[in-house]
Each structure stands twice: as C-alpha cells, then as structure tokens.
Amino acid sequence: MPVILFGLLVLGWFYWFQWRPAQIRKDCYENTFSRVSQWTKSNNEGNKEWAEYKVWRPDPKLGSYSYDANWGWWYDIPSKQDLESWFIQCLNNKGLSEPFH
C-alpha cells in the first residue's frame, strides 16, 4: 500500500509541476504568437474581408493613409512588447506567475 501511495504522490507532483505548466505555456503561446503569425499571413495574402480583431485602413504594405491607398480590413500587428505582455497576462490568468524569458 505505501508503494502505491508513493507512486500516486510522484504522479501528482509530476502533473502539477511539470505537465500542467507545460500545457499552459503551450496554450498561451498558441493564443498569442501563433495568432499573430496567422494575422501576418492573412495580411500578406491580401485578405481584406472583415474578421474579428481587424481594423479598416489602407493596405499595410503601402504605409500611407492617402485617399489613393488600397483600403480594406487588415489585422493590426502588435509590437514585441505587446506580445510579451499578452503572453505574461495569459500565464498569470491560468495560474503561472513566471517572468517572460
């Protein structure tokens, strides 16, 4: 009986301190960095249809707000600092309070 109890404690420890944090980091990574990768791909393909998180503005490749610009729905790509902040916020919301490295 003590061997079974010890085995359960080891499995519980492994889940809580290894598996669970790794899954949280993976989920937060997919929710931040992978999303922006998809946004960049959509912008590069010229997909101007409306979608959540898109803003109405000229083609980001033109970099101009002139009336001649190619207007449409584009994703606003956040800065590196914003991405890191989103990632840290996701980790904190899911119970991990680790600094971003």
N, C-alpha and C. Protein backbone atom coordinates (compact mmCIF):
# COMPACT_ATOMS: atom_id res chain seq x y z
N MET A 1 0.81 -1.21 0.00
CA MET A 1 0.00 0.00 0.00
C MET A 1 0.85 1.28 0.00
N PRO A 2 1.94 1.34 0.79
CA PRO A 2 2.77 2.55 0.77
C PRO A 2 3.39 2.80 -0.61
N VAL A 3 3.70 1.73 -1.35
CA VAL A 3 4.31 1.89 -2.67
C VAL A 3 3.30 2.55 -3.63
N ILE A 4 2.05 2.14 -3.54
CA ILE A 4 1.01 2.71 -4.40
C ILE A 4 0.79 4.18 -4.05
N LEU A 5 0.75 4.48 -2.75
CA LEU A 5 0.58 5.86 -2.31
C LEU A 5 1.75 6.72 -2.76
N PHE A 6 2.97 6.20 -2.64
CA PHE A 6 4.15 6.93 -3.10
C PHE A 6 4.08 7.17 -4.61
N GLY A 7 3.68 6.17 -5.36
CA GLY A 7 3.54 6.31 -6.82
C GLY A 7 2.53 7.37 -7.19
N LEU A 8 1.40 7.40 -6.49
CA LEU A 8 0.38 8.42 -6.74
C LEU A 8 0.88 9.82 -6.42
N LEU A 9 1.65 9.93 -5.34
CA LEU A 9 2.23 11.23 -4.98
C LEU A 9 3.22 11.71 -6.04
N VAL A 10 4.04 10.81 -6.55
CA VAL A 10 5.00 11.16 -7.59
C VAL A 10 4.27 11.58 -8.86
N LEU A 11 3.24 10.83 -9.25
CA LEU A 11 2.46 11.19 -10.43
C LEU A 11 1.77 12.54 -10.25
N GLY A 12 1.22 12.77 -9.07
CA GLY A 12 0.58 14.06 -8.79
C GLY A 12 1.57 15.21 -8.85
N TRP A 13 2.74 14.99 -8.28
CA TRP A 13 3.78 16.01 -8.32
C TRP A 13 4.18 16.29 -9.77
N PHE A 14 4.40 15.24 -10.54
CA PHE A 14 4.80 15.41 -11.94
C PHE A 14 3.73 16.18 -12.72
N TYR A 15 2.47 15.82 -12.52
CA TYR A 15 1.39 16.53 -13.23
C TYR A 15 1.38 18.00 -12.85
N TRP A 16 1.41 18.30 -11.55
CA TRP A 16 1.24 19.68 -11.10
C TRP A 16 2.43 20.57 -11.44
N PHE A 17 3.63 20.06 -11.33
CA PHE A 17 4.82 20.89 -11.51
C PHE A 17 5.48 20.77 -12.87
N GLN A 18 5.14 19.77 -13.67
CA GLN A 18 5.76 19.60 -14.98
C GLN A 18 4.74 19.65 -16.11
N TRP A 19 3.79 18.74 -16.10
CA TRP A 19 2.83 18.62 -17.20
C TRP A 19 1.92 19.84 -17.32
N ARG A 20 1.28 20.21 -16.23
CA ARG A 20 0.33 21.32 -16.23
C ARG A 20 0.98 22.63 -16.68
N PRO A 21 2.13 23.05 -16.12
CA PRO A 21 2.75 24.29 -16.59
C PRO A 21 3.15 24.24 -18.06
N ALA A 22 3.62 23.08 -18.53
CA ALA A 22 4.00 22.95 -19.95
C ALA A 22 2.77 23.13 -20.85
N GLN A 23 1.64 22.57 -20.46
CA GLN A 23 0.42 22.71 -21.25
C GLN A 23 -0.10 24.15 -21.23
N ILE A 24 0.02 24.81 -20.10
CA ILE A 24 -0.40 26.21 -20.00
C ILE A 24 0.47 27.08 -20.90
N ARG A 25 1.80 26.89 -20.85
CA ARG A 25 2.69 27.66 -21.72
C ARG A 25 2.38 27.42 -23.19
N LYS A 26 2.12 26.18 -23.55
CA LYS A 26 1.80 25.83 -24.95
C LYS A 26 0.52 26.54 -25.38
N ASP A 27 -0.51 26.49 -24.55
CA ASP A 27 -1.78 27.12 -24.87
C ASP A 27 -1.62 28.64 -25.00
N CYS A 28 -0.89 29.25 -24.07
CA CYS A 28 -0.68 30.70 -24.12
C CYS A 28 0.14 31.09 -25.35
N TYR A 29 1.12 30.28 -25.70
CA TYR A 29 1.92 30.56 -26.90
C TYR A 29 1.03 30.54 -28.14
N GLU A 30 0.19 29.51 -28.25
CA GLU A 30 -0.70 29.41 -29.41
C GLU A 30 -1.69 30.57 -29.45
N ASN A 31 -2.14 31.03 -28.28
CA ASN A 31 -3.11 32.13 -28.24
C ASN A 31 -2.49 33.48 -28.54
N THR A 32 -1.18 33.61 -28.45
CA THR A 32 -0.56 34.91 -28.72
C THR A 32 0.28 34.86 -30.00
N PHE A 33 1.39 34.17 -29.97
CA PHE A 33 2.33 34.23 -31.08
C PHE A 33 1.80 33.56 -32.34
N SER A 34 1.15 32.43 -32.22
CA SER A 34 0.62 31.75 -33.40
C SER A 34 -0.50 32.57 -34.05
N ARG A 35 -1.30 33.23 -33.24
CA ARG A 35 -2.38 34.06 -33.76
C ARG A 35 -1.80 35.19 -34.61
N VAL A 36 -0.75 35.82 -34.13
CA VAL A 36 -0.15 36.93 -34.87
C VAL A 36 0.50 36.43 -36.16
N SER A 37 1.05 35.23 -36.12
CA SER A 37 1.60 34.63 -37.33
C SER A 37 0.51 34.45 -38.38
N GLN A 38 -0.66 34.00 -37.96
CA GLN A 38 -1.79 33.84 -38.88
C GLN A 38 -2.26 35.20 -39.39
N TRP A 39 -2.25 36.21 -38.53
CA TRP A 39 -2.66 37.55 -38.94
C TRP A 39 -1.71 38.08 -40.01
N THR A 40 -0.42 37.91 -39.80
CA THR A 40 0.57 38.38 -40.76
C THR A 40 0.38 37.68 -42.10
N LYS A 41 0.15 36.38 -42.05
CA LYS A 41 -0.07 35.62 -43.28
C LYS A 41 -1.31 36.14 -44.01
N SER A 42 -2.38 36.40 -43.28
CA SER A 42 -3.61 36.91 -43.89
C SER A 42 -3.37 38.27 -44.53
N ASN A 43 -2.64 39.16 -43.85
CA ASN A 43 -2.33 40.47 -44.42
C ASN A 43 -1.49 40.33 -45.69
N ASN A 44 -0.50 39.45 -45.66
CA ASN A 44 0.37 39.26 -46.82
C ASN A 44 -0.38 38.69 -48.02
N GLU A 45 -1.40 37.90 -47.76
CA GLU A 45 -2.20 37.33 -48.85
C GLU A 45 -3.20 38.32 -49.41
N GLY A 46 -3.34 39.46 -48.73
CA GLY A 46 -4.26 40.50 -49.22
C GLY A 46 -5.71 40.22 -48.89
N ASN A 47 -5.96 39.42 -47.87
CA ASN A 47 -7.33 39.11 -47.46
C ASN A 47 -7.92 40.34 -46.76
N LYS A 48 -8.83 41.05 -47.45
CA LYS A 48 -9.39 42.29 -46.93
C LYS A 48 -10.78 42.14 -46.36
N GLU A 49 -11.27 40.90 -46.21
CA GLU A 49 -12.60 40.69 -45.66
C GLU A 49 -12.58 40.93 -44.15
N TRP A 50 -13.74 41.31 -43.61
CA TRP A 50 -13.85 41.57 -42.19
C TRP A 50 -13.65 40.30 -41.38
N ALA A 51 -13.00 40.43 -40.26
CA ALA A 51 -12.86 39.36 -39.27
C ALA A 51 -12.60 40.03 -37.92
N GLU A 52 -12.82 39.27 -36.86
CA GLU A 52 -12.58 39.81 -35.52
C GLU A 52 -11.13 40.26 -35.40
N TYR A 53 -10.90 41.37 -34.73
CA TYR A 53 -9.59 41.98 -34.49
C TYR A 53 -9.05 42.76 -35.70
N LYS A 54 -9.78 42.80 -36.81
CA LYS A 54 -9.31 43.58 -37.96
C LYS A 54 -9.79 45.02 -37.84
N VAL A 55 -9.03 45.92 -38.45
CA VAL A 55 -9.38 47.34 -38.47
C VAL A 55 -9.47 47.79 -39.93
N TRP A 56 -10.27 48.82 -40.16
CA TRP A 56 -10.44 49.36 -41.51
C TRP A 56 -9.34 50.38 -41.75
N ARG A 57 -8.49 50.10 -42.72
CA ARG A 57 -7.40 51.02 -43.04
C ARG A 57 -6.79 50.64 -44.38
N PRO A 58 -5.84 51.43 -44.85
CA PRO A 58 -5.21 51.11 -46.13
C PRO A 58 -4.31 49.90 -46.03
N ASP A 59 -3.91 49.40 -47.14
CA ASP A 59 -3.01 48.25 -47.22
C ASP A 59 -1.76 48.54 -46.38
N PRO A 60 -1.44 47.67 -45.40
CA PRO A 60 -0.29 47.93 -44.54
C PRO A 60 1.03 47.99 -45.31
N LYS A 61 1.10 47.36 -46.48
CA LYS A 61 2.34 47.39 -47.26
C LYS A 61 2.57 48.77 -47.87
N LEU A 62 1.50 49.53 -48.06
CA LEU A 62 1.64 50.86 -48.64
C LEU A 62 2.11 51.87 -47.60
N GLY A 63 1.71 51.67 -46.34
CA GLY A 63 2.15 52.56 -45.27
C GLY A 63 1.67 53.99 -45.41
N SER A 64 0.57 54.21 -46.10
CA SER A 64 0.09 55.56 -46.35
C SER A 64 -1.40 55.62 -46.05
N TYR A 65 -1.83 56.76 -45.57
CA TYR A 65 -3.25 56.96 -45.33
C TYR A 65 -3.85 57.90 -46.37
N SER A 66 -3.27 57.93 -47.56
CA SER A 66 -3.79 58.80 -48.62
C SER A 66 -5.10 58.22 -49.17
N TYR A 67 -5.83 59.03 -49.88
CA TYR A 67 -7.11 58.60 -50.44
C TYR A 67 -6.92 57.59 -51.58
N ASP A 68 -5.72 57.52 -52.14
CA ASP A 68 -5.44 56.58 -53.22
C ASP A 68 -5.08 55.19 -52.71
N ALA A 69 -4.94 55.04 -51.40
CA ALA A 69 -4.49 53.76 -50.83
C ALA A 69 -5.54 52.67 -51.03
N ASN A 70 -5.10 51.45 -50.98
CA ASN A 70 -5.95 50.26 -51.15
C ASN A 70 -6.59 49.93 -49.80
N TRP A 71 -7.78 50.45 -49.53
CA TRP A 71 -8.43 50.30 -48.23
C TRP A 71 -9.08 48.93 -48.09
N GLY A 72 -9.18 48.46 -46.85
CA GLY A 72 -9.84 47.20 -46.56
C GLY A 72 -9.67 46.84 -45.09
N TRP A 73 -10.09 45.65 -44.73
CA TRP A 73 -9.95 45.16 -43.35
C TRP A 73 -8.60 44.47 -43.21
N TRP A 74 -7.80 44.94 -42.26
CA TRP A 74 -6.45 44.41 -42.04
C TRP A 74 -6.24 44.17 -40.55
N TYR A 75 -5.41 43.20 -40.25
CA TYR A 75 -5.01 42.98 -38.86
C TYR A 75 -3.93 43.98 -38.49
N ASP A 76 -4.06 44.56 -37.33
CA ASP A 76 -3.02 45.42 -36.78
C ASP A 76 -2.03 44.52 -36.05
N ILE A 77 -0.82 44.41 -36.53
CA ILE A 77 0.17 43.53 -35.92
C ILE A 77 0.76 44.23 -34.70
N PRO A 78 0.65 43.62 -33.52
CA PRO A 78 1.15 44.25 -32.30
C PRO A 78 2.67 44.22 -32.22
N SER A 79 3.20 45.07 -31.36
CA SER A 79 4.65 45.14 -31.16
C SER A 79 5.12 43.94 -30.32
N LYS A 80 6.43 43.75 -30.27
CA LYS A 80 7.01 42.66 -29.48
C LYS A 80 6.65 42.82 -28.00
N GLN A 81 6.67 44.04 -27.51
CA GLN A 81 6.34 44.29 -26.11
C GLN A 81 4.88 43.93 -25.82
N ASP A 82 3.99 44.25 -26.75
CA ASP A 82 2.58 43.88 -26.57
C ASP A 82 2.40 42.36 -26.55
N LEU A 83 3.10 41.67 -27.45
CA LEU A 83 3.01 40.20 -27.48
C LEU A 83 3.50 39.59 -26.17
N GLU A 84 4.63 40.08 -25.68
CA GLU A 84 5.15 39.57 -24.41
C GLU A 84 4.19 39.85 -23.28
N SER A 85 3.58 41.02 -23.30
CA SER A 85 2.60 41.37 -22.27
C SER A 85 1.39 40.45 -22.33
N TRP A 86 0.89 40.17 -23.55
CA TRP A 86 -0.25 39.25 -23.71
C TRP A 86 0.11 37.86 -23.20
N PHE A 87 1.32 37.41 -23.51
CA PHE A 87 1.76 36.08 -23.09
C PHE A 87 1.84 35.99 -21.57
N ILE A 88 2.44 36.98 -20.95
CA ILE A 88 2.56 37.00 -19.48
C ILE A 88 1.17 37.08 -18.84
N GLN A 89 0.29 37.90 -19.41
CA GLN A 89 -1.07 38.01 -18.88
C GLN A 89 -1.80 36.68 -18.97
N CYS A 90 -1.63 35.97 -20.08
CA CYS A 90 -2.25 34.66 -20.24
C CYS A 90 -1.72 33.70 -19.18
N LEU A 91 -0.40 33.67 -19.00
CA LEU A 91 0.20 32.80 -17.98
C LEU A 91 -0.37 33.11 -16.60
N ASN A 92 -0.45 34.40 -16.27
CA ASN A 92 -0.96 34.80 -14.96
C ASN A 92 -2.43 34.43 -14.79
N ASN A 93 -3.22 34.58 -15.83
CA ASN A 93 -4.64 34.24 -15.76
C ASN A 93 -4.85 32.76 -15.54
N LYS A 94 -3.90 31.95 -15.99
CA LYS A 94 -4.04 30.49 -15.85
C LYS A 94 -3.26 29.95 -14.67
N GLY A 95 -2.72 30.83 -13.83
CA GLY A 95 -2.12 30.38 -12.58
C GLY A 95 -0.60 30.29 -12.57
N LEU A 96 0.07 30.72 -13.62
CA LEU A 96 1.54 30.72 -13.62
C LEU A 96 2.01 32.15 -13.51
N SER A 97 2.84 32.42 -12.54
CA SER A 97 3.35 33.79 -12.39
C SER A 97 4.86 33.80 -12.61
N GLU A 98 5.25 33.43 -13.82
CA GLU A 98 6.66 33.39 -14.17
C GLU A 98 7.03 34.56 -15.06
N PRO A 99 8.24 35.08 -14.91
CA PRO A 99 8.66 36.14 -15.83
C PRO A 99 8.90 35.58 -17.22
N PHE A 100 8.75 36.42 -18.22
CA PHE A 100 8.97 36.01 -19.61
C PHE A 100 10.46 36.07 -19.91
N HIS A 101 11.01 35.02 -20.46
CA HIS A 101 12.45 34.99 -20.80
C HIS A 101 12.61 34.93 -22.28
